[in-house]
Amino acid sequence: MLREHGDLLAPIAAGGALGSLSRWGLTTVLPHGGLSWPWATFLTNVSGCLLLGTLMAFVLGPWSHTRYLRPFLGVGVLGGYTTFSTYELETYVLGGHAPALAMLYLLASVVAGIGAAWLGLTLGRVVVLDTGREVVVDGIDPDLDPDPSPGQAQEDR
């Protein structure tokens, strides 16, 4: 596997460094006191979900033939930018002192993250479609037929 994909390590590492520095910058601007809402992590993860959704619209559309863009931006930059471990730790710490706030943070992060990913994908698809490109996976436009039968997908090709 390393022989086939070894060339992707440098773009992923470079992207991860940039994403991690971006997250560090946001936590510096919005420091967290421990017993209050962890805004930096919340905003980091939600904005990362939005950007990842947008990126997927382009990776499935006009940028589908680029080898290094998705590993650099998706795995590297956004993987280094978002943080599940800090989200878990902050939920745990809040749970010891403010269980209701911890539960709200836990749920709000998941709901906002999923909503942001959906919004990013939707907005990205609008932009891609406005350029005249289609967002197509395996010859199937997900907007027209989100769950095609296997035989139908073959007939359409």
N, C-alpha and C. Protein backbone atom coordinates (compact mmCIF):
# COMPACT_ATOMS: atom_id res chain seq x y z
N MET A 1 0.83 -1.19 0.00
CA MET A 1 0.00 0.00 0.00
C MET A 1 0.87 1.26 0.00
N LEU A 2 1.96 1.23 0.74
CA LEU A 2 2.83 2.40 0.79
C LEU A 2 3.46 2.66 -0.58
N ARG A 3 3.73 1.60 -1.34
CA ARG A 3 4.30 1.79 -2.67
C ARG A 3 3.32 2.50 -3.60
N GLU A 4 2.05 2.14 -3.49
CA GLU A 4 1.03 2.75 -4.35
C GLU A 4 0.68 4.18 -3.94
N HIS A 5 0.71 4.44 -2.65
CA HIS A 5 0.21 5.73 -2.15
C HIS A 5 1.26 6.52 -1.37
N GLY A 6 2.50 6.13 -1.45
CA GLY A 6 3.55 6.82 -0.71
C GLY A 6 3.71 8.27 -1.11
N ASP A 7 3.39 8.57 -2.35
CA ASP A 7 3.51 9.95 -2.82
C ASP A 7 2.48 10.88 -2.18
N LEU A 8 1.50 10.31 -1.49
CA LEU A 8 0.46 11.13 -0.85
C LEU A 8 0.87 11.59 0.55
N LEU A 9 1.92 11.01 1.11
CA LEU A 9 2.31 11.34 2.49
C LEU A 9 2.74 12.80 2.64
N ALA A 10 3.51 13.31 1.71
CA ALA A 10 3.97 14.70 1.81
C ALA A 10 2.81 15.70 1.74
N PRO A 11 1.87 15.56 0.78
CA PRO A 11 0.73 16.50 0.78
C PRO A 11 -0.12 16.40 2.04
N ILE A 12 -0.31 15.19 2.55
CA ILE A 12 -1.10 15.03 3.77
C ILE A 12 -0.39 15.68 4.95
N ALA A 13 0.92 15.46 5.07
CA ALA A 13 1.67 16.04 6.18
C ALA A 13 1.68 17.57 6.10
N ALA A 14 1.90 18.11 4.91
CA ALA A 14 1.90 19.56 4.75
C ALA A 14 0.53 20.14 5.08
N GLY A 15 -0.52 19.50 4.60
CA GLY A 15 -1.87 19.96 4.91
C GLY A 15 -2.18 19.85 6.39
N GLY A 16 -1.75 18.76 7.02
CA GLY A 16 -1.98 18.58 8.45
C GLY A 16 -1.30 19.67 9.27
N ALA A 17 -0.11 20.05 8.87
CA ALA A 17 0.59 21.13 9.58
C ALA A 17 -0.18 22.44 9.45
N LEU A 18 -0.65 22.75 8.25
CA LEU A 18 -1.42 23.98 8.05
C LEU A 18 -2.73 23.97 8.83
N GLY A 19 -3.43 22.83 8.80
CA GLY A 19 -4.69 22.72 9.53
C GLY A 19 -4.50 22.83 11.03
N SER A 20 -3.48 22.19 11.55
CA SER A 20 -3.21 22.25 12.99
C SER A 20 -2.84 23.66 13.44
N LEU A 21 -2.06 24.34 12.62
CA LEU A 21 -1.73 25.74 12.95
C LEU A 21 -2.97 26.63 12.92
N SER A 22 -3.87 26.36 12.01
CA SER A 22 -5.12 27.13 11.95
C SER A 22 -5.95 26.90 13.20
N ARG A 23 -6.04 25.64 13.63
CA ARG A 23 -6.80 25.33 14.85
C ARG A 23 -6.14 25.99 16.06
N TRP A 24 -4.83 25.94 16.14
CA TRP A 24 -4.12 26.57 17.23
C TRP A 24 -4.40 28.07 17.25
N GLY A 25 -4.42 28.70 16.07
CA GLY A 25 -4.71 30.12 15.99
C GLY A 25 -6.10 30.46 16.52
N LEU A 26 -7.07 29.62 16.19
CA LEU A 26 -8.43 29.87 16.66
C LEU A 26 -8.53 29.68 18.17
N THR A 27 -7.85 28.68 18.72
CA THR A 27 -7.89 28.48 20.18
C THR A 27 -7.14 29.59 20.91
N THR A 28 -6.20 30.22 20.25
CA THR A 28 -5.49 31.36 20.85
C THR A 28 -6.41 32.58 20.90
N VAL A 29 -7.20 32.77 19.85
CA VAL A 29 -8.12 33.91 19.79
C VAL A 29 -9.30 33.69 20.74
N LEU A 30 -9.77 32.45 20.86
CA LEU A 30 -10.92 32.12 21.72
C LEU A 30 -10.51 31.11 22.80
N PRO A 31 -9.76 31.56 23.81
CA PRO A 31 -9.32 30.61 24.85
C PRO A 31 -10.51 30.05 25.64
N HIS A 32 -10.33 28.84 26.14
CA HIS A 32 -11.39 28.14 26.87
C HIS A 32 -11.01 28.02 28.33
N GLY A 33 -11.94 28.43 29.22
CA GLY A 33 -11.67 28.43 30.64
C GLY A 33 -11.89 27.10 31.33
N GLY A 34 -12.48 26.14 30.69
CA GLY A 34 -12.67 24.83 31.30
C GLY A 34 -14.10 24.54 31.70
N LEU A 35 -14.81 25.51 32.26
CA LEU A 35 -16.18 25.26 32.71
C LEU A 35 -17.20 26.08 31.93
N SER A 36 -16.78 26.63 30.80
CA SER A 36 -17.70 27.38 29.95
C SER A 36 -17.78 26.68 28.60
N TRP A 37 -18.63 27.21 27.75
CA TRP A 37 -18.81 26.61 26.42
C TRP A 37 -17.49 26.69 25.66
N PRO A 38 -16.99 25.59 25.14
CA PRO A 38 -15.73 25.58 24.40
C PRO A 38 -15.90 26.08 22.96
N TRP A 39 -16.01 27.39 22.81
CA TRP A 39 -16.31 27.99 21.51
C TRP A 39 -15.29 27.67 20.43
N ALA A 40 -14.03 27.69 20.78
CA ALA A 40 -13.00 27.45 19.76
C ALA A 40 -13.15 26.07 19.14
N THR A 41 -13.31 25.05 19.95
CA THR A 41 -13.46 23.69 19.41
C THR A 41 -14.77 23.55 18.67
N PHE A 42 -15.82 24.11 19.21
CA PHE A 42 -17.13 24.03 18.55
C PHE A 42 -17.06 24.69 17.16
N LEU A 43 -16.54 25.90 17.08
CA LEU A 43 -16.45 26.61 15.80
C LEU A 43 -15.48 25.92 14.84
N THR A 44 -14.40 25.38 15.37
CA THR A 44 -13.44 24.65 14.54
C THR A 44 -14.11 23.45 13.90
N ASN A 45 -14.77 22.63 14.70
CA ASN A 45 -15.37 21.40 14.17
C ASN A 45 -16.54 21.68 13.22
N VAL A 46 -17.36 22.65 13.55
CA VAL A 46 -18.50 22.96 12.68
C VAL A 46 -18.02 23.58 11.37
N SER A 47 -17.08 24.51 11.44
CA SER A 47 -16.56 25.09 10.19
C SER A 47 -15.80 24.05 9.38
N GLY A 48 -15.12 23.13 10.05
CA GLY A 48 -14.43 22.04 9.34
C GLY A 48 -15.42 21.14 8.62
N CYS A 49 -16.56 20.86 9.24
CA CYS A 49 -17.60 20.07 8.58
C CYS A 49 -18.15 20.80 7.36
N LEU A 50 -18.38 22.10 7.49
CA LEU A 50 -18.86 22.90 6.37
C LEU A 50 -17.87 22.86 5.21
N LEU A 51 -16.61 23.05 5.52
CA LEU A 51 -15.57 23.04 4.48
C LEU A 51 -15.40 21.66 3.85
N LEU A 52 -15.52 20.62 4.67
CA LEU A 52 -15.40 19.26 4.13
C LEU A 52 -16.56 18.94 3.20
N GLY A 53 -17.77 19.36 3.56
CA GLY A 53 -18.92 19.17 2.67
C GLY A 53 -18.73 19.89 1.36
N THR A 54 -18.24 21.12 1.42
CA THR A 54 -17.99 21.90 0.21
C THR A 54 -16.91 21.24 -0.64
N LEU A 55 -15.85 20.79 0.01
CA LEU A 55 -14.77 20.13 -0.71
C LEU A 55 -15.27 18.88 -1.44
N MET A 56 -16.15 18.13 -0.81
CA MET A 56 -16.65 16.90 -1.44
C MET A 56 -17.43 17.20 -2.72
N ALA A 57 -18.14 18.32 -2.75
CA ALA A 57 -18.86 18.67 -3.98
C ALA A 57 -17.89 18.88 -5.13
N PHE A 58 -16.76 19.48 -4.84
CA PHE A 58 -15.77 19.74 -5.88
C PHE A 58 -14.96 18.49 -6.23
N VAL A 59 -14.67 17.67 -5.21
CA VAL A 59 -13.92 16.44 -5.45
C VAL A 59 -14.75 15.46 -6.28
N LEU A 60 -16.05 15.46 -6.10
CA LEU A 60 -16.92 14.59 -6.89
C LEU A 60 -17.28 15.22 -8.23
N GLY A 61 -16.92 16.46 -8.43
CA GLY A 61 -17.25 17.16 -9.67
C GLY A 61 -16.01 17.54 -10.44
N PRO A 62 -15.74 18.83 -10.56
CA PRO A 62 -14.68 19.29 -11.44
C PRO A 62 -13.27 18.88 -11.02
N TRP A 63 -13.06 18.58 -9.75
CA TRP A 63 -11.71 18.23 -9.30
C TRP A 63 -11.55 16.72 -9.12
N SER A 64 -12.41 15.94 -9.74
CA SER A 64 -12.40 14.49 -9.52
C SER A 64 -11.14 13.81 -10.05
N HIS A 65 -10.43 14.45 -10.94
CA HIS A 65 -9.25 13.80 -11.52
C HIS A 65 -7.94 14.28 -10.91
N THR A 66 -8.01 15.04 -9.82
CA THR A 66 -6.79 15.50 -9.18
C THR A 66 -6.38 14.51 -8.10
N ARG A 67 -5.15 14.07 -8.11
CA ARG A 67 -4.69 13.04 -7.18
C ARG A 67 -4.35 13.61 -5.80
N TYR A 68 -3.81 14.80 -5.74
CA TYR A 68 -3.27 15.29 -4.48
C TYR A 68 -4.17 16.26 -3.73
N LEU A 69 -5.19 16.78 -4.36
CA LEU A 69 -6.02 17.80 -3.74
C LEU A 69 -6.81 17.27 -2.54
N ARG A 70 -7.50 16.15 -2.73
CA ARG A 70 -8.30 15.61 -1.63
C ARG A 70 -7.43 15.18 -0.45
N PRO A 71 -6.31 14.47 -0.68
CA PRO A 71 -5.46 14.15 0.48
C PRO A 71 -4.90 15.40 1.17
N PHE A 72 -4.51 16.40 0.38
CA PHE A 72 -3.96 17.61 0.97
C PHE A 72 -5.01 18.38 1.76
N LEU A 73 -6.14 18.69 1.12
CA LEU A 73 -7.17 19.50 1.78
C LEU A 73 -8.03 18.70 2.75
N GLY A 74 -8.53 17.54 2.31
CA GLY A 74 -9.46 16.77 3.14
C GLY A 74 -8.80 16.08 4.31
N VAL A 75 -7.84 15.23 4.02
CA VAL A 75 -7.16 14.47 5.07
C VAL A 75 -6.20 15.36 5.84
N GLY A 76 -5.40 16.14 5.11
CA GLY A 76 -4.38 16.96 5.74
C GLY A 76 -4.92 18.19 6.44
N VAL A 77 -5.31 19.19 5.66
CA VAL A 77 -5.74 20.48 6.24
C VAL A 77 -6.94 20.30 7.17
N LEU A 78 -8.02 19.71 6.66
CA LEU A 78 -9.23 19.60 7.49
C LEU A 78 -9.09 18.54 8.57
N GLY A 79 -8.29 17.50 8.32
CA GLY A 79 -8.02 16.52 9.36
C GLY A 79 -7.21 17.11 10.50
N GLY A 80 -6.26 17.99 10.18
CA GLY A 80 -5.48 18.66 11.21
C GLY A 80 -6.24 19.79 11.88
N TYR A 81 -7.17 20.38 11.15
CA TYR A 81 -7.94 21.51 11.67
C TYR A 81 -9.01 21.06 12.66
N THR A 82 -9.77 20.04 12.30
CA THR A 82 -10.83 19.57 13.18
C THR A 82 -10.24 18.70 14.29
N THR A 83 -10.99 18.54 15.37
CA THR A 83 -10.45 17.81 16.50
C THR A 83 -11.54 17.07 17.27
N PHE A 84 -11.55 15.76 17.10
CA PHE A 84 -12.50 14.94 17.86
C PHE A 84 -11.99 14.71 19.28
N SER A 85 -10.70 14.58 19.45
CA SER A 85 -10.15 14.28 20.77
C SER A 85 -10.37 15.44 21.74
N THR A 86 -10.20 16.67 21.29
CA THR A 86 -10.43 17.81 22.17
C THR A 86 -11.91 17.94 22.50
N TYR A 87 -12.76 17.65 21.53
CA TYR A 87 -14.21 17.66 21.74
C TYR A 87 -14.58 16.66 22.83
N GLU A 88 -14.01 15.46 22.76
CA GLU A 88 -14.28 14.44 23.79
C GLU A 88 -13.79 14.89 25.16
N LEU A 89 -12.56 15.41 25.21
CA LEU A 89 -11.99 15.83 26.49
C LEU A 89 -12.80 16.97 27.10
N GLU A 90 -13.18 17.93 26.30
CA GLU A 90 -13.96 19.05 26.82
C GLU A 90 -15.34 18.60 27.30
N THR A 91 -15.93 17.65 26.61
CA THR A 91 -17.22 17.10 27.05
C THR A 91 -17.05 16.40 28.40
N TYR A 92 -15.99 15.64 28.54
CA TYR A 92 -15.70 14.92 29.79
C TYR A 92 -15.49 15.90 30.95
N VAL A 93 -14.69 16.93 30.72
CA VAL A 93 -14.41 17.91 31.77
C VAL A 93 -15.69 18.65 32.15
N LEU A 94 -16.47 19.07 31.15
CA LEU A 94 -17.74 19.75 31.44
C LEU A 94 -18.69 18.84 32.21
N GLY A 95 -18.69 17.55 31.85
CA GLY A 95 -19.58 16.59 32.50
C GLY A 95 -19.34 16.47 34.00
N GLY A 96 -18.10 16.68 34.44
CA GLY A 96 -17.79 16.59 35.86
C GLY A 96 -18.31 17.76 36.66
N HIS A 97 -18.54 18.90 36.02
CA HIS A 97 -18.95 20.11 36.73
C HIS A 97 -20.30 20.66 36.28
N ALA A 98 -20.63 20.45 35.02
CA ALA A 98 -21.88 20.97 34.48
C ALA A 98 -22.44 19.95 33.49
N PRO A 99 -23.05 18.87 34.01
CA PRO A 99 -23.51 17.79 33.13
C PRO A 99 -24.51 18.24 32.05
N ALA A 100 -25.38 19.16 32.39
CA ALA A 100 -26.35 19.62 31.40
C ALA A 100 -25.65 20.36 30.26
N LEU A 101 -24.68 21.18 30.60
CA LEU A 101 -23.91 21.89 29.57
C LEU A 101 -23.10 20.91 28.72
N ALA A 102 -22.56 19.90 29.36
CA ALA A 102 -21.80 18.87 28.63
C ALA A 102 -22.70 18.15 27.63
N MET A 103 -23.90 17.80 28.05
CA MET A 103 -24.83 17.11 27.16
C MET A 103 -25.26 18.02 26.02
N LEU A 104 -25.50 19.28 26.32
CA LEU A 104 -25.86 20.25 25.27
C LEU A 104 -24.71 20.41 24.27
N TYR A 105 -23.50 20.51 24.78
CA TYR A 105 -22.32 20.64 23.91
C TYR A 105 -22.15 19.39 23.04
N LEU A 106 -22.33 18.23 23.63
CA LEU A 106 -22.22 16.97 22.91
C LEU A 106 -23.21 16.91 21.76
N LEU A 107 -24.47 17.18 22.05
CA LEU A 107 -25.52 17.11 21.03
C LEU A 107 -25.42 18.24 20.00
N ALA A 108 -25.17 19.45 20.48
CA ALA A 108 -25.10 20.59 19.57
C ALA A 108 -23.94 20.44 18.58
N SER A 109 -22.84 19.88 19.04
CA SER A 109 -21.70 19.68 18.15
C SER A 109 -22.02 18.69 17.04
N VAL A 110 -22.69 17.60 17.39
CA VAL A 110 -23.03 16.59 16.39
C VAL A 110 -24.07 17.14 15.41
N VAL A 111 -25.12 17.74 15.93
CA VAL A 111 -26.19 18.28 15.06
C VAL A 111 -25.64 19.40 14.18
N ALA A 112 -24.90 20.33 14.75
CA ALA A 112 -24.34 21.43 13.97
C ALA A 112 -23.33 20.92 12.95
N GLY A 113 -22.54 19.93 13.31
CA GLY A 113 -21.56 19.37 12.38
C GLY A 113 -22.22 18.69 11.20
N ILE A 114 -23.22 17.89 11.45
CA ILE A 114 -23.94 17.22 10.35
C ILE A 114 -24.65 18.25 9.49
N GLY A 115 -25.28 19.22 10.13
CA GLY A 115 -25.96 20.28 9.37
C GLY A 115 -24.98 21.09 8.53
N ALA A 116 -23.82 21.39 9.09
CA ALA A 116 -22.83 22.16 8.35
C ALA A 116 -22.27 21.36 7.17
N ALA A 117 -22.04 20.07 7.36
CA ALA A 117 -21.56 19.23 6.26
C ALA A 117 -22.58 19.18 5.13
N TRP A 118 -23.85 19.02 5.50
CA TRP A 118 -24.92 19.01 4.49
C TRP A 118 -25.00 20.35 3.76
N LEU A 119 -24.92 21.45 4.53
CA LEU A 119 -24.98 22.78 3.93
C LEU A 119 -23.79 23.00 2.99
N GLY A 120 -22.61 22.60 3.43
CA GLY A 120 -21.42 22.75 2.59
C GLY A 120 -21.53 21.96 1.31
N LEU A 121 -22.01 20.72 1.40
CA LEU A 121 -22.18 19.90 0.21
C LEU A 121 -23.22 20.51 -0.72
N THR A 122 -24.32 20.97 -0.15
CA THR A 122 -25.38 21.57 -0.95
C THR A 122 -24.91 22.85 -1.64
N LEU A 123 -24.28 23.73 -0.89
CA LEU A 123 -23.78 24.98 -1.48
C LEU A 123 -22.69 24.70 -2.51
N GLY A 124 -21.83 23.75 -2.21
CA GLY A 124 -20.79 23.38 -3.16
C GLY A 124 -21.36 22.83 -4.45
N ARG A 125 -22.40 22.02 -4.32
CA ARG A 125 -23.04 21.47 -5.52
C ARG A 125 -23.69 22.56 -6.35
N VAL A 126 -24.27 23.57 -5.70
CA VAL A 126 -24.87 24.68 -6.43
C VAL A 126 -23.79 25.41 -7.22
N VAL A 127 -22.66 25.66 -6.59
CA VAL A 127 -21.56 26.34 -7.28
C VAL A 127 -21.05 25.48 -8.43
N VAL A 128 -20.87 24.19 -8.19
CA VAL A 128 -20.38 23.29 -9.24
C VAL A 128 -21.37 23.25 -10.39
N LEU A 129 -22.65 23.13 -10.09
CA LEU A 129 -23.66 23.08 -11.14
C LEU A 129 -23.76 24.40 -11.89
N ASP A 130 -23.53 25.52 -11.20
CA ASP A 130 -23.53 26.82 -11.87
C ASP A 130 -22.39 26.96 -12.87
N THR A 131 -21.34 26.18 -12.66
CA THR A 131 -20.22 26.21 -13.61
C THR A 131 -20.49 25.32 -14.81
N GLY A 132 -21.63 24.63 -14.79
CA GLY A 132 -21.97 23.74 -15.89
C GLY A 132 -21.49 22.32 -15.70
N ARG A 133 -20.81 22.04 -14.58
CA ARG A 133 -20.32 20.70 -14.30
C ARG A 133 -21.38 19.92 -13.53
N GLU A 134 -21.37 18.63 -13.66
CA GLU A 134 -22.28 17.78 -12.90
C GLU A 134 -21.54 17.12 -11.76
N VAL A 135 -22.24 16.91 -10.67
CA VAL A 135 -21.70 16.13 -9.57
C VAL A 135 -22.24 14.73 -9.78
N VAL A 136 -21.41 13.86 -10.30
CA VAL A 136 -21.83 12.52 -10.68
C VAL A 136 -20.90 11.51 -10.05
N VAL A 137 -21.48 10.45 -9.51
CA VAL A 137 -20.70 9.37 -8.92
C VAL A 137 -21.02 8.10 -9.69
N ASP A 138 -20.01 7.48 -10.27
CA ASP A 138 -20.19 6.24 -11.03
C ASP A 138 -21.27 6.36 -12.10
N GLY A 139 -21.34 7.49 -12.78
CA GLY A 139 -22.30 7.67 -13.85
C GLY A 139 -23.71 7.96 -13.40
N ILE A 140 -23.92 8.18 -12.11
CA ILE A 140 -25.27 8.41 -11.58
C ILE A 140 -25.31 9.78 -10.93
N ASP A 141 -26.27 10.60 -11.31
CA ASP A 141 -26.48 11.89 -10.68
C ASP A 141 -27.30 11.66 -9.42
N PRO A 142 -26.71 11.85 -8.22
CA PRO A 142 -27.43 11.58 -6.97
C PRO A 142 -28.70 12.40 -6.80
N ASP A 143 -28.80 13.57 -7.43
CA ASP A 143 -30.02 14.36 -7.32
C ASP A 143 -31.19 13.71 -8.04
N LEU A 144 -30.89 13.06 -9.15
CA LEU A 144 -31.96 12.47 -9.94
C LEU A 144 -32.38 11.10 -9.42
N ASP A 145 -31.44 10.34 -8.91
CA ASP A 145 -31.72 8.99 -8.45
C ASP A 145 -30.83 8.64 -7.27
N PRO A 146 -31.21 9.06 -6.05
CA PRO A 146 -30.33 8.87 -4.90
C PRO A 146 -30.10 7.41 -4.51
N ASP A 147 -30.98 6.49 -4.91
CA ASP A 147 -30.80 5.09 -4.53
C ASP A 147 -31.20 4.19 -5.70
N PRO A 148 -30.42 4.19 -6.76
CA PRO A 148 -30.81 3.40 -7.93
C PRO A 148 -30.60 1.92 -7.69
N SER A 149 -31.38 1.13 -8.39
CA SER A 149 -31.18 -0.31 -8.33
C SER A 149 -29.94 -0.64 -9.17
N PRO A 150 -29.21 -1.72 -8.83
CA PRO A 150 -27.98 -2.03 -9.58
C PRO A 150 -28.22 -2.18 -11.08
N GLY A 151 -29.32 -2.79 -11.51
CA GLY A 151 -29.59 -2.97 -12.93
C GLY A 151 -29.83 -1.66 -13.64
N GLN A 152 -30.49 -0.73 -12.94
CA GLN A 152 -30.80 0.56 -13.55
C GLN A 152 -29.52 1.37 -13.78
N ALA A 153 -28.58 1.29 -12.85
CA ALA A 153 -27.33 2.03 -13.00
C ALA A 153 -26.57 1.54 -14.23
N GLN A 154 -26.62 0.24 -14.53
CA GLN A 154 -25.96 -0.30 -15.70
C GLN A 154 -26.65 0.15 -16.98
N GLU A 155 -27.99 0.21 -16.98
CA GLU A 155 -28.74 0.62 -18.16
C GLU A 155 -28.44 2.06 -18.53
N ASP A 156 -28.20 2.91 -17.52
CA ASP A 156 -27.98 4.33 -17.75
C ASP A 156 -26.63 4.61 -18.40
N ARG A 157 -25.70 3.68 -18.33
CA ARG A 157 -24.35 3.90 -18.85
C ARG A 157 -24.26 3.68 -20.29
